[in-house]
């Protein structure tokens, strides 16, 4: 006698996962945080290019400083995040990054900017795996594909809009405005996660 196994539930679509309040909050936190990150990054690139008259190699150093921690620290960060409270990790990461990005206002040279961007991305490298764990705990297995797509969509949307907005803000009121907006985005993100 064979026992019939129930069919697995149908995959949730984007609208269905977006109706989950916890997913909406996490998605909003992602949009705000990523938008702020790229707003600050493009403000830094604009500042070092046009105000500090950086060489092409020095401008490339900005991108390296920002991306290197994701490649080096990111894989190790997941090991620690698996043992930590993910909500506290995400909130702490947001608050630390807010303080670091405010320090960009006072950075007076390229090496200070390199260091602060490296530090900010190092802290972000802990946020990303914590967010992944949070998604897996909030969403049923049959909604993970749609939720991950929604999170990626948020990241790409922010990456498209932030360069234009950063350029306009830097031209109108200077790079510090972008740094303060980024710091504010981290506070909003921490509040949404809280």
Protein backbone atom coordinates (compact mmCIF):
# COMPACT_ATOMS: atom_id res chain seq x y z
CA UNK A 1 0.00 0.00 0.00
CA UNK A 2 1.43 3.34 -1.02
CA UNK A 3 0.83 6.48 0.93
CA UNK A 4 -0.06 9.52 -1.11
CA UNK A 5 2.12 12.50 -0.41
CA UNK A 6 0.53 15.90 -0.65
CA UNK A 7 1.57 18.13 -3.52
CA UNK A 8 4.00 20.85 -2.51
CA UNK A 9 2.40 24.28 -2.22
CA UNK A 10 2.47 26.47 -5.30
CA UNK A 11 5.25 29.06 -5.45
CA UNK A 12 4.18 32.46 -4.17
CA UNK A 13 4.40 35.35 -6.61
CA UNK A 14 5.82 38.83 -5.98
CA UNK A 15 2.46 40.32 -5.00
CA UNK A 16 1.77 37.54 -2.50
CA UNK A 17 5.10 37.88 -0.70
CA UNK A 18 4.82 41.68 -0.78
CA UNK A 19 1.53 41.42 1.12
CA UNK A 20 3.46 39.98 4.09
CA UNK A 21 4.07 42.91 6.48
CA UNK A 22 7.50 41.65 7.58
CA UNK A 23 8.64 41.28 3.96
CA UNK A 24 7.41 44.80 3.14
CA UNK A 25 9.38 46.24 6.06
CA UNK A 26 12.52 44.32 5.11
CA UNK A 27 12.09 45.36 1.46
CA UNK A 28 11.65 49.01 2.44
CA UNK A 29 14.74 48.80 4.68
CA UNK A 30 16.68 47.34 1.74
CA UNK A 31 15.54 50.07 -0.67
CA UNK A 32 16.40 52.86 1.76
CA UNK A 33 19.73 51.39 2.82
CA UNK A 34 21.01 50.50 -0.66
CA UNK A 35 19.83 53.83 -2.04
CA UNK A 36 21.72 55.62 0.73
CA UNK A 37 24.87 53.54 0.15
CA UNK A 38 25.05 54.39 -3.51
CA UNK A 39 24.09 57.99 -2.88
CA UNK A 40 27.13 58.30 -0.60
CA UNK A 41 29.40 56.33 -2.95
CA UNK A 42 28.58 58.51 -5.96
CA UNK A 43 28.94 61.64 -3.84
CA UNK A 44 32.42 60.46 -2.80
CA UNK A 45 33.33 59.72 -6.42
CA UNK A 46 32.14 63.15 -7.48
CA UNK A 47 33.95 64.86 -4.59
CA UNK A 48 37.31 63.17 -5.16
CA UNK A 49 37.10 63.65 -8.93
CA UNK A 50 36.13 67.30 -9.06
CA UNK A 51 37.23 68.78 -5.73
CA UNK A 52 40.28 66.74 -4.80
CA UNK A 53 41.30 66.33 -8.46
CA UNK A 54 42.09 62.66 -7.96
CA UNK A 55 43.90 60.68 -10.61
CA UNK A 56 42.11 57.81 -12.36
CA UNK A 57 44.02 55.35 -10.16
CA UNK A 58 42.90 57.20 -7.02
CA UNK A 59 39.28 57.19 -8.19
CA UNK A 60 39.58 53.45 -8.83
CA UNK A 61 40.84 53.14 -5.24
CA UNK A 62 37.42 54.38 -4.08
CA UNK A 63 35.66 51.48 -5.78
CA UNK A 64 38.23 49.00 -4.53
CA UNK A 65 37.88 50.28 -0.96
CA UNK A 66 34.12 49.94 -1.20
CA UNK A 67 33.99 46.48 -2.84
CA UNK A 68 36.98 44.65 -1.32
CA UNK A 69 35.33 43.90 2.06
CA UNK A 70 32.43 42.15 0.35
CA UNK A 71 34.89 39.77 -1.32
CA UNK A 72 37.21 39.26 1.65
CA UNK A 73 35.09 39.75 4.78
CA UNK A 74 31.73 38.69 3.34
CA UNK A 75 32.33 34.92 3.30
CA UNK A 76 33.69 35.01 6.86
CA UNK A 77 30.91 37.27 8.14
CA UNK A 78 28.29 34.63 7.45
CA UNK A 79 29.99 32.27 9.91
CA UNK A 80 29.60 34.81 12.70
CA UNK A 81 26.11 35.92 11.71
CA UNK A 82 24.88 32.32 11.95
CA UNK A 83 25.74 32.45 15.66
CA UNK A 84 24.44 35.96 16.39
CA UNK A 85 20.97 37.42 16.79
CA UNK A 86 20.23 38.53 13.23
CA UNK A 87 17.89 41.37 14.17
CA UNK A 88 20.46 42.90 16.51
CA UNK A 89 23.18 42.36 13.90
CA UNK A 90 21.18 44.22 11.25
CA UNK A 91 20.26 47.10 13.55
CA UNK A 92 23.82 47.39 14.91
CA UNK A 93 25.15 47.34 11.36
CA UNK A 94 22.82 50.15 10.34
CA UNK A 95 23.75 52.30 13.34
CA UNK A 96 27.49 51.72 12.89
CA UNK A 97 27.28 52.56 9.19
CA UNK A 98 25.38 55.76 10.02
CA UNK A 99 28.24 56.86 12.27
CA UNK A 100 30.85 55.91 9.68
CA UNK A 101 29.14 57.77 6.85
CA UNK A 102 28.79 60.90 9.00
CA UNK A 103 32.57 60.70 9.48
CA UNK A 104 32.89 61.12 5.68
CA UNK A 105 31.79 64.74 6.17
CA UNK A 106 35.01 65.34 8.10
CA UNK A 107 37.33 63.20 5.95
CA UNK A 108 40.04 65.51 4.63
CA UNK A 109 42.03 63.27 2.32
CA UNK A 110 41.88 60.25 0.07
CA UNK A 111 43.32 57.83 2.62
CA UNK A 112 40.70 58.82 5.18
CA UNK A 113 37.98 58.29 2.56
CA UNK A 114 39.45 54.93 1.55
CA UNK A 115 39.52 53.83 5.18
CA UNK A 116 35.98 54.96 5.93
CA UNK A 117 34.55 53.29 2.82
CA UNK A 118 36.44 50.11 3.64
CA UNK A 119 35.10 50.19 7.20
CA UNK A 120 31.54 50.92 6.03
CA UNK A 121 31.60 48.00 3.59
CA UNK A 122 33.10 45.72 6.22
CA UNK A 123 30.13 46.43 8.47
CA UNK A 124 27.79 45.97 5.49
CA UNK A 125 29.33 42.56 4.90
CA UNK A 126 27.70 41.47 8.18
CA UNK A 127 24.35 43.02 7.28
CA UNK A 128 23.94 41.06 4.03
CA UNK A 129 24.07 37.52 5.47
CA UNK A 130 21.91 38.62 8.42
CA UNK A 131 19.31 39.82 5.93
CA UNK A 132 19.47 36.51 4.07
CA UNK A 133 18.86 34.59 7.30
CA UNK A 134 15.97 36.92 8.14
CA UNK A 135 14.33 36.28 4.77
CA UNK A 136 14.53 32.52 5.33
CA UNK A 137 12.91 32.86 8.76
CA UNK A 138 10.12 35.22 7.65
CA UNK A 139 9.04 33.57 4.42
CA UNK A 140 7.83 30.02 3.82
CA UNK A 141 10.03 27.92 1.53
CA UNK A 142 7.58 28.28 -1.35
CA UNK A 143 7.93 32.08 -1.18
CA UNK A 144 11.72 32.35 -1.12
CA UNK A 145 12.19 32.67 -4.88
CA UNK A 146 9.75 35.58 -5.12
CA UNK A 147 11.13 37.25 -1.99
CA UNK A 148 14.72 37.03 -3.20
CA UNK A 149 13.63 38.44 -6.57
CA UNK A 150 11.88 41.30 -4.77
CA UNK A 151 15.02 42.08 -2.76
CA UNK A 152 17.20 42.03 -5.89
CA UNK A 153 14.70 44.26 -7.66
CA UNK A 154 14.96 46.77 -4.81
CA UNK A 155 18.75 46.76 -5.05
CA UNK A 156 18.77 47.30 -8.81
CA UNK A 157 16.13 50.04 -8.59
CA UNK A 158 18.23 51.93 -6.03
CA UNK A 159 21.38 51.50 -8.13
CA UNK A 160 19.66 53.06 -11.14
CA UNK A 161 18.27 56.12 -9.36
CA UNK A 162 21.03 56.97 -6.91
CA UNK A 163 23.73 58.21 -9.37
CA UNK A 164 21.42 60.83 -10.89
CA UNK A 165 20.16 62.01 -7.51
CA UNK A 166 23.68 62.05 -6.02
CA UNK A 167 24.95 64.10 -8.95
CA UNK A 168 22.14 66.63 -8.59
CA UNK A 169 22.60 66.92 -4.82
CA UNK A 170 26.39 67.28 -5.01
CA UNK A 171 26.02 69.98 -7.68
CA UNK A 172 23.31 71.83 -5.74
CA UNK A 173 24.39 71.60 -2.09
CA UNK A 174 27.61 69.56 -1.91
CA UNK A 175 28.56 65.98 -1.01
CA UNK A 176 27.82 66.37 2.71
CA UNK A 177 24.10 66.38 1.88
CA UNK A 178 24.45 62.88 0.44
CA UNK A 179 26.37 61.67 3.49
CA UNK A 180 23.70 62.99 5.84
CA UNK A 181 20.95 61.44 3.71
CA UNK A 182 22.82 58.14 3.78
CA UNK A 183 23.15 58.33 7.57
CA UNK A 184 19.42 59.06 7.75
CA UNK A 185 18.73 56.06 5.51
CA UNK A 186 20.51 53.82 8.01
CA UNK A 187 18.41 55.18 10.86
CA UNK A 188 15.24 54.57 8.83
CA UNK A 189 16.40 51.07 7.96
CA UNK A 190 17.18 50.29 11.62
CA UNK A 191 13.74 51.60 12.60
CA UNK A 192 12.00 49.45 10.00
CA UNK A 193 13.91 46.37 11.17
CA UNK A 194 13.22 47.16 14.82
